């Protein structure tokens, strides 16, 4: 959790999708936004009381366009193998008009990835 919140400091205007094992997770306000837009369950961790929402990593190509179409700038963060406990933002995706997202070439909506 410490790593997640330290990354949000550097990406305050982005909804952060944080890769934890086989899932992308988000917490607190990001979790509320993601649950509302994606129609996924918003849960509360019993140990911390923090709001949490997530989805399997292989569903990213399904859920990412929904977040972008809803007007969110999304930071995708992957955990690094070495050193343990570290992660980095691998890409930031936001609404745009010139570039297409991953497997979304057949759709009309366009996204900017950086």
N, C-alpha and C. Protein backbone atom coordinates (compact mmCIF):
# COMPACT_ATOMS: atom_id res chain seq x y z
N UNK A 1 0.82 -1.19 0.00
CA UNK A 1 0.00 0.00 0.00
C UNK A 1 0.86 1.26 0.00
N UNK A 2 1.98 1.22 0.68
CA UNK A 2 2.87 2.38 0.73
C UNK A 2 3.35 2.74 -0.67
N UNK A 3 3.69 1.73 -1.45
CA UNK A 3 4.17 1.96 -2.82
C UNK A 3 3.07 2.60 -3.65
N UNK A 4 1.84 2.09 -3.53
CA UNK A 4 0.71 2.63 -4.27
C UNK A 4 0.55 4.12 -3.99
N UNK A 5 0.51 4.48 -2.72
CA UNK A 5 0.26 5.89 -2.38
C UNK A 5 1.45 6.79 -2.69
N UNK A 6 2.66 6.24 -2.69
CA UNK A 6 3.81 7.07 -3.09
C UNK A 6 3.75 7.37 -4.58
N UNK A 7 3.23 6.45 -5.38
CA UNK A 7 3.11 6.69 -6.82
C UNK A 7 2.01 7.70 -7.11
N UNK A 8 0.95 7.72 -6.33
CA UNK A 8 -0.13 8.69 -6.57
C UNK A 8 0.36 10.12 -6.38
N UNK A 9 1.37 10.31 -5.58
CA UNK A 9 1.93 11.65 -5.37
C UNK A 9 2.47 12.22 -6.68
N UNK A 10 3.07 11.37 -7.51
CA UNK A 10 3.66 11.81 -8.77
C UNK A 10 2.66 11.81 -9.93
N UNK A 11 1.47 11.27 -9.70
CA UNK A 11 0.43 11.21 -10.73
C UNK A 11 -0.91 11.62 -10.13
N UNK A 12 -0.99 12.82 -9.56
CA UNK A 12 -2.20 13.21 -8.82
C UNK A 12 -3.45 13.35 -9.69
N UNK A 13 -3.28 13.60 -10.98
CA UNK A 13 -4.43 13.82 -11.85
C UNK A 13 -4.85 12.55 -12.60
N UNK A 14 -4.24 11.42 -12.26
CA UNK A 14 -4.54 10.17 -12.97
C UNK A 14 -5.16 9.15 -12.02
N UNK A 15 -6.06 8.36 -12.56
CA UNK A 15 -6.60 7.22 -11.84
C UNK A 15 -5.54 6.13 -11.95
N UNK A 16 -5.05 5.63 -10.84
CA UNK A 16 -3.93 4.69 -10.83
C UNK A 16 -4.42 3.25 -10.80
N UNK A 17 -4.05 2.48 -11.82
CA UNK A 17 -4.30 1.03 -11.84
C UNK A 17 -2.99 0.36 -11.47
N UNK A 18 -2.98 -0.31 -10.33
CA UNK A 18 -1.77 -0.87 -9.75
C UNK A 18 -1.80 -2.39 -9.88
N UNK A 19 -0.83 -2.96 -10.56
CA UNK A 19 -0.80 -4.41 -10.79
C UNK A 19 -0.35 -5.12 -9.53
N UNK A 20 -1.22 -5.99 -9.03
CA UNK A 20 -0.92 -6.83 -7.87
C UNK A 20 -1.19 -8.27 -8.28
N UNK A 21 -0.14 -9.00 -8.59
CA UNK A 21 -0.31 -10.38 -9.04
C UNK A 21 -1.08 -10.42 -10.35
N UNK A 22 -2.22 -11.10 -10.35
CA UNK A 22 -3.03 -11.25 -11.56
C UNK A 22 -4.12 -10.20 -11.68
N UNK A 23 -4.07 -9.14 -10.87
CA UNK A 23 -5.11 -8.12 -10.87
C UNK A 23 -4.53 -6.72 -10.97
N UNK A 24 -5.34 -5.82 -11.55
CA UNK A 24 -5.09 -4.39 -11.43
C UNK A 24 -6.03 -3.90 -10.35
N UNK A 25 -5.49 -3.19 -9.36
CA UNK A 25 -6.29 -2.71 -8.24
C UNK A 25 -6.15 -1.20 -8.12
N UNK A 26 -7.15 -0.59 -7.52
CA UNK A 26 -7.09 0.83 -7.17
C UNK A 26 -7.76 1.00 -5.82
N UNK A 27 -7.44 2.10 -5.16
CA UNK A 27 -7.87 2.31 -3.78
C UNK A 27 -8.47 3.69 -3.59
N UNK A 28 -9.22 3.81 -2.51
CA UNK A 28 -9.84 5.05 -2.06
C UNK A 28 -10.67 5.72 -3.17
N UNK A 29 -10.38 6.99 -3.48
CA UNK A 29 -11.19 7.71 -4.47
C UNK A 29 -11.09 7.09 -5.86
N UNK A 30 -9.90 6.61 -6.21
CA UNK A 30 -9.74 5.94 -7.50
C UNK A 30 -10.62 4.70 -7.58
N UNK A 31 -10.73 3.98 -6.48
CA UNK A 31 -11.57 2.79 -6.44
C UNK A 31 -13.04 3.14 -6.64
N UNK A 32 -13.48 4.23 -6.01
CA UNK A 32 -14.87 4.66 -6.19
C UNK A 32 -15.14 5.02 -7.65
N UNK A 33 -14.23 5.77 -8.24
CA UNK A 33 -14.40 6.17 -9.65
C UNK A 33 -14.44 4.96 -10.56
N UNK A 34 -13.47 4.04 -10.37
CA UNK A 34 -13.39 2.85 -11.21
C UNK A 34 -14.64 1.99 -11.06
N UNK A 35 -15.10 1.79 -9.85
CA UNK A 35 -16.28 0.97 -9.62
C UNK A 35 -17.51 1.58 -10.29
N UNK A 36 -17.65 2.88 -10.21
CA UNK A 36 -18.79 3.56 -10.83
C UNK A 36 -18.75 3.43 -12.35
N UNK A 37 -17.61 3.70 -12.94
CA UNK A 37 -17.48 3.69 -14.41
C UNK A 37 -17.55 2.27 -14.96
N UNK A 38 -16.88 1.34 -14.30
CA UNK A 38 -16.73 -0.01 -14.84
C UNK A 38 -17.83 -0.97 -14.41
N UNK A 39 -18.60 -0.57 -13.41
CA UNK A 39 -19.64 -1.46 -12.91
C UNK A 39 -19.08 -2.66 -12.16
N UNK A 40 -17.93 -2.46 -11.50
CA UNK A 40 -17.33 -3.53 -10.72
C UNK A 40 -17.58 -3.27 -9.24
N UNK A 41 -17.35 -4.27 -8.42
CA UNK A 41 -17.64 -4.19 -7.00
C UNK A 41 -16.63 -3.31 -6.27
N UNK A 42 -17.14 -2.44 -5.43
CA UNK A 42 -16.31 -1.63 -4.54
C UNK A 42 -16.31 -2.34 -3.19
N UNK A 43 -15.14 -2.72 -2.70
CA UNK A 43 -15.05 -3.42 -1.43
C UNK A 43 -14.28 -2.57 -0.43
N UNK A 44 -14.29 -3.00 0.82
CA UNK A 44 -13.54 -2.34 1.88
C UNK A 44 -12.65 -3.37 2.55
N UNK A 45 -11.37 -3.07 2.64
CA UNK A 45 -10.44 -3.96 3.33
C UNK A 45 -10.71 -3.89 4.83
N UNK A 46 -10.93 -5.04 5.43
CA UNK A 46 -11.24 -5.07 6.86
C UNK A 46 -10.09 -4.57 7.71
N UNK A 47 -8.87 -4.87 7.32
CA UNK A 47 -7.72 -4.50 8.13
C UNK A 47 -7.44 -3.00 8.14
N UNK A 48 -7.74 -2.33 7.03
CA UNK A 48 -7.42 -0.90 6.94
C UNK A 48 -8.64 -0.01 6.77
N UNK A 49 -9.75 -0.59 6.35
CA UNK A 49 -10.95 0.21 6.09
C UNK A 49 -10.88 0.97 4.78
N UNK A 50 -9.86 0.71 3.96
CA UNK A 50 -9.71 1.39 2.68
C UNK A 50 -10.62 0.78 1.62
N UNK A 51 -11.15 1.66 0.77
CA UNK A 51 -11.96 1.21 -0.36
C UNK A 51 -11.03 0.62 -1.41
N UNK A 52 -11.50 -0.43 -2.09
CA UNK A 52 -10.69 -1.11 -3.08
C UNK A 52 -11.57 -1.64 -4.19
N UNK A 53 -11.07 -1.58 -5.42
CA UNK A 53 -11.74 -2.18 -6.57
C UNK A 53 -10.66 -2.72 -7.48
N UNK A 54 -10.98 -3.77 -8.22
CA UNK A 54 -9.98 -4.33 -9.11
C UNK A 54 -10.58 -5.26 -10.14
N UNK A 55 -9.74 -5.65 -11.09
CA UNK A 55 -10.16 -6.57 -12.14
C UNK A 55 -8.94 -7.36 -12.62
N UNK A 56 -9.15 -8.54 -13.24
CA UNK A 56 -8.03 -9.35 -13.72
C UNK A 56 -7.20 -8.61 -14.76
N UNK A 57 -5.90 -8.79 -14.72
CA UNK A 57 -4.99 -8.06 -15.62
C UNK A 57 -5.33 -8.30 -17.09
N UNK A 58 -5.82 -9.48 -17.42
CA UNK A 58 -6.12 -9.78 -18.83
C UNK A 58 -7.36 -9.06 -19.33
N UNK A 59 -8.10 -8.38 -18.43
CA UNK A 59 -9.27 -7.60 -18.83
C UNK A 59 -8.95 -6.12 -19.05
N UNK A 60 -7.67 -5.76 -19.00
CA UNK A 60 -7.27 -4.35 -19.17
C UNK A 60 -7.78 -3.77 -20.48
N UNK A 61 -7.69 -4.53 -21.56
CA UNK A 61 -8.13 -4.02 -22.86
C UNK A 61 -9.64 -3.81 -22.93
N UNK A 62 -10.36 -4.41 -22.02
CA UNK A 62 -11.81 -4.19 -21.94
C UNK A 62 -12.13 -2.97 -21.08
N UNK A 63 -11.47 -2.86 -19.93
CA UNK A 63 -11.80 -1.81 -18.97
C UNK A 63 -11.13 -0.47 -19.24
N UNK A 64 -9.91 -0.47 -19.76
CA UNK A 64 -9.20 0.79 -20.01
C UNK A 64 -9.97 1.73 -20.93
N UNK A 65 -10.50 1.27 -22.06
CA UNK A 65 -11.26 2.20 -22.92
C UNK A 65 -12.48 2.81 -22.22
N UNK A 66 -13.10 2.06 -21.33
CA UNK A 66 -14.26 2.59 -20.60
C UNK A 66 -13.85 3.74 -19.70
N UNK A 67 -12.72 3.61 -19.04
CA UNK A 67 -12.23 4.69 -18.18
C UNK A 67 -11.85 5.91 -19.00
N UNK A 68 -11.23 5.69 -20.15
CA UNK A 68 -10.83 6.80 -21.01
C UNK A 68 -12.06 7.51 -21.57
N UNK A 69 -13.03 6.74 -22.04
CA UNK A 69 -14.26 7.35 -22.58
C UNK A 69 -15.00 8.14 -21.52
N UNK A 70 -14.83 7.76 -20.25
CA UNK A 70 -15.46 8.50 -19.15
C UNK A 70 -14.67 9.76 -18.81
N UNK A 71 -13.55 9.99 -19.52
CA UNK A 71 -12.78 11.22 -19.33
C UNK A 71 -11.65 11.12 -18.34
N UNK A 72 -11.31 9.93 -17.89
CA UNK A 72 -10.24 9.77 -16.91
C UNK A 72 -8.89 9.61 -17.58
N UNK A 73 -7.90 10.20 -16.98
CA UNK A 73 -6.50 9.97 -17.34
C UNK A 73 -6.07 8.80 -16.47
N UNK A 74 -5.48 7.76 -17.05
CA UNK A 74 -5.18 6.54 -16.32
C UNK A 74 -3.68 6.26 -16.33
N UNK A 75 -3.12 6.03 -15.15
CA UNK A 75 -1.72 5.62 -15.02
C UNK A 75 -1.72 4.12 -14.72
N UNK A 76 -0.98 3.36 -15.51
CA UNK A 76 -0.89 1.92 -15.33
C UNK A 76 0.46 1.62 -14.69
N UNK A 77 0.41 0.97 -13.54
CA UNK A 77 1.62 0.74 -12.76
C UNK A 77 1.87 -0.75 -12.61
N UNK A 78 3.08 -1.17 -12.89
CA UNK A 78 3.48 -2.56 -12.75
C UNK A 78 4.54 -2.69 -11.67
N UNK A 79 4.44 -3.75 -10.87
CA UNK A 79 5.44 -3.99 -9.84
C UNK A 79 6.70 -4.55 -10.48
N UNK A 80 7.83 -4.15 -9.93
CA UNK A 80 9.12 -4.62 -10.44
C UNK A 80 9.55 -5.84 -9.64
N UNK A 81 10.25 -6.75 -10.31
CA UNK A 81 10.76 -7.94 -9.63
C UNK A 81 11.85 -7.55 -8.63
N UNK A 82 12.77 -6.73 -9.05
CA UNK A 82 13.87 -6.31 -8.20
C UNK A 82 13.94 -4.81 -8.19
N UNK A 83 14.13 -4.15 -7.14
CA UNK A 83 14.09 -4.66 -5.78
C UNK A 83 12.65 -4.86 -5.32
N UNK A 84 12.46 -5.71 -4.36
CA UNK A 84 11.12 -6.03 -3.86
C UNK A 84 10.46 -4.77 -3.28
N UNK A 85 9.15 -4.70 -3.46
CA UNK A 85 8.41 -3.58 -2.90
C UNK A 85 8.45 -2.32 -3.73
N UNK A 86 8.97 -2.40 -4.95
CA UNK A 86 9.03 -1.22 -5.80
C UNK A 86 8.14 -1.42 -7.03
N UNK A 87 7.69 -0.33 -7.55
CA UNK A 87 6.84 -0.35 -8.74
C UNK A 87 7.08 0.92 -9.52
N UNK A 88 6.66 0.91 -10.78
CA UNK A 88 6.77 2.13 -11.57
C UNK A 88 5.59 2.21 -12.53
N UNK A 89 5.28 3.42 -12.92
CA UNK A 89 4.22 3.63 -13.90
C UNK A 89 4.80 3.24 -15.25
N UNK A 90 4.16 2.28 -15.90
CA UNK A 90 4.66 1.82 -17.19
C UNK A 90 4.09 2.62 -18.34
N UNK A 91 2.89 3.19 -18.16
CA UNK A 91 2.32 4.07 -19.18
C UNK A 91 1.17 4.87 -18.60
N UNK A 92 0.90 5.99 -19.26
CA UNK A 92 -0.23 6.85 -18.91
C UNK A 92 -1.09 6.96 -20.16
N UNK A 93 -2.40 6.76 -19.99
CA UNK A 93 -3.31 6.81 -21.13
C UNK A 93 -4.36 7.87 -20.83
N UNK A 94 -4.65 8.69 -21.84
CA UNK A 94 -5.63 9.76 -21.65
C UNK A 94 -6.41 9.98 -22.94
N UNK A 95 -7.58 10.61 -22.83
CA UNK A 95 -8.36 10.90 -24.03
C UNK A 95 -7.54 11.77 -25.00
N UNK A 96 -7.64 11.46 -26.28
CA UNK A 96 -6.93 12.22 -27.31
C UNK A 96 -7.66 12.05 -28.63
N UNK A 97 -7.02 12.48 -29.71
CA UNK A 97 -7.69 12.38 -31.00
C UNK A 97 -6.85 11.79 -32.11
N UNK A 98 -5.62 11.35 -31.82
CA UNK A 98 -4.76 10.92 -32.91
C UNK A 98 -4.23 9.49 -32.79
N UNK A 99 -4.17 8.91 -31.59
CA UNK A 99 -3.56 7.59 -31.45
C UNK A 99 -4.56 6.59 -30.88
N UNK A 100 -4.39 5.34 -31.26
CA UNK A 100 -5.31 4.29 -30.82
C UNK A 100 -4.69 3.49 -29.68
N UNK A 101 -5.54 2.88 -28.86
CA UNK A 101 -5.12 2.09 -27.73
C UNK A 101 -5.02 0.61 -28.09
N UNK A 102 -4.05 -0.07 -27.52
CA UNK A 102 -3.79 -1.51 -27.70
C UNK A 102 -4.62 -2.18 -28.77
N UNK A 103 -5.61 -2.97 -28.41
CA UNK A 103 -6.38 -3.75 -29.38
C UNK A 103 -7.65 -3.02 -29.80
N UNK A 104 -7.67 -1.73 -29.69
CA UNK A 104 -8.87 -0.96 -29.97
C UNK A 104 -8.90 -0.41 -31.39
N UNK A 105 -8.09 -0.94 -32.28
CA UNK A 105 -7.99 -0.40 -33.63
C UNK A 105 -9.32 -0.41 -34.38
N UNK A 106 -10.21 -1.35 -34.04
CA UNK A 106 -11.48 -1.44 -34.75
C UNK A 106 -12.51 -0.44 -34.21
N UNK A 107 -12.22 0.23 -33.12
CA UNK A 107 -13.18 1.18 -32.55
C UNK A 107 -12.87 2.60 -33.01
N UNK A 108 -13.87 3.46 -32.93
CA UNK A 108 -13.71 4.84 -33.37
C UNK A 108 -13.00 5.71 -32.34
N UNK A 109 -13.14 5.41 -31.04
CA UNK A 109 -12.53 6.24 -30.02
C UNK A 109 -11.02 6.13 -30.11
N UNK A 110 -10.34 7.24 -29.90
CA UNK A 110 -8.89 7.28 -29.98
C UNK A 110 -8.33 7.73 -28.64
N UNK A 111 -7.15 7.19 -28.28
CA UNK A 111 -6.54 7.48 -27.01
C UNK A 111 -5.07 7.82 -27.21
N UNK A 112 -4.53 8.58 -26.29
CA UNK A 112 -3.12 8.93 -26.32
C UNK A 112 -2.41 8.18 -25.19
N UNK A 113 -1.38 7.44 -25.55
CA UNK A 113 -0.60 6.67 -24.58
C UNK A 113 0.79 7.30 -24.51
N UNK A 114 1.29 7.43 -23.30
CA UNK A 114 2.65 7.95 -23.17
C UNK A 114 3.45 7.11 -22.21
